[in-house]
Amino acid sequence: MNIVDHFDTSEDLRHRHDLMVELYRVEQARELAGQRASAVEIERLERQRRMISEALARLAA
């Protein structure tokens, strides 16, 4: 089965790709922040990561 068959349109695939790239970026920032950022900044990155993960889950549904 082609991976594109799991999505309604190629636009969905593009959005999923964009979200996955953003999720990676946030996860990397979170990892670096854990070494030298404030608790407020770490929590902001965690909220952003959760929001992106939830958006990815909705796209996959």
Protein backbone atom coordinates (compact mmCIF):
# COMPACT_ATOMS: atom_id res chain seq x y z
CA MET A 1 0.00 0.00 0.00
CA ASN A 2 1.29 3.44 -0.89
CA ILE A 3 1.85 5.74 2.11
CA VAL A 4 -0.17 8.44 0.38
CA ASP A 5 -3.24 6.18 0.62
CA HIS A 6 -3.33 6.92 4.35
CA PHE A 7 -4.06 10.60 3.71
CA ASP A 8 -7.00 12.32 2.09
CA THR A 9 -4.89 14.58 -0.11
CA SER A 10 -1.32 15.45 -0.90
CA GLU A 11 -2.00 18.62 1.13
CA ASP A 12 -2.48 16.40 4.22
CA LEU A 13 0.87 14.78 3.51
CA ARG A 14 2.55 18.17 3.24
CA HIS A 15 1.00 19.32 6.53
CA ARG A 16 2.10 16.13 8.24
CA HIS A 17 5.65 16.59 6.95
CA ASP A 18 5.72 20.22 8.12
CA LEU A 19 4.46 19.21 11.58
CA MET A 20 7.03 16.43 11.86
CA VAL A 21 9.83 18.85 11.00
CA GLU A 22 8.51 21.34 13.58
CA LEU A 23 8.18 18.58 16.18
CA TYR A 24 11.82 17.59 15.63
CA ARG A 25 12.89 21.23 15.94
CA VAL A 26 10.98 21.65 19.23
CA GLU A 27 12.31 18.38 20.63
CA GLN A 28 15.87 19.45 19.85
CA ALA A 29 15.29 22.85 21.46
CA ARG A 30 13.80 21.11 24.51
CA GLU A 31 16.83 18.87 24.82
CA LEU A 32 19.20 21.83 24.67
CA ALA A 33 17.01 23.87 27.01
CA GLY A 34 17.17 21.16 29.63
CA GLN A 35 20.82 21.97 30.05
CA ARG A 36 20.54 25.72 30.53
CA ALA A 37 16.99 27.12 30.30
CA SER A 38 14.52 28.20 32.92
CA ALA A 39 11.62 26.02 34.01
CA VAL A 40 9.25 28.45 32.28
CA GLU A 41 11.03 28.01 28.94
CA ILE A 42 11.09 24.23 29.31
CA GLU A 43 7.36 24.18 30.05
CA ARG A 44 6.68 26.39 27.00
CA LEU A 45 8.58 23.95 24.79
CA GLU A 46 6.72 21.00 26.32
CA ARG A 47 3.35 22.66 25.62
CA GLN A 48 4.43 23.34 22.05
CA ARG A 49 5.57 19.72 21.62
CA ARG A 50 2.24 18.40 22.94
CA MET A 51 0.28 20.71 20.65
CA ILE A 52 2.21 19.54 17.57
CA SER A 53 1.88 15.88 18.57
CA GLU A 54 -1.88 16.31 18.98
CA ALA A 55 -2.12 17.94 15.55
CA LEU A 56 -0.21 15.02 14.02
CA ALA A 57 -2.54 12.55 15.71
CA ARG A 58 -5.58 14.37 14.29
CA LEU A 59 -4.10 14.30 10.79
CA ALA A 60 -3.48 10.56 11.05
CA ALA A 61 -7.05 9.86 12.22
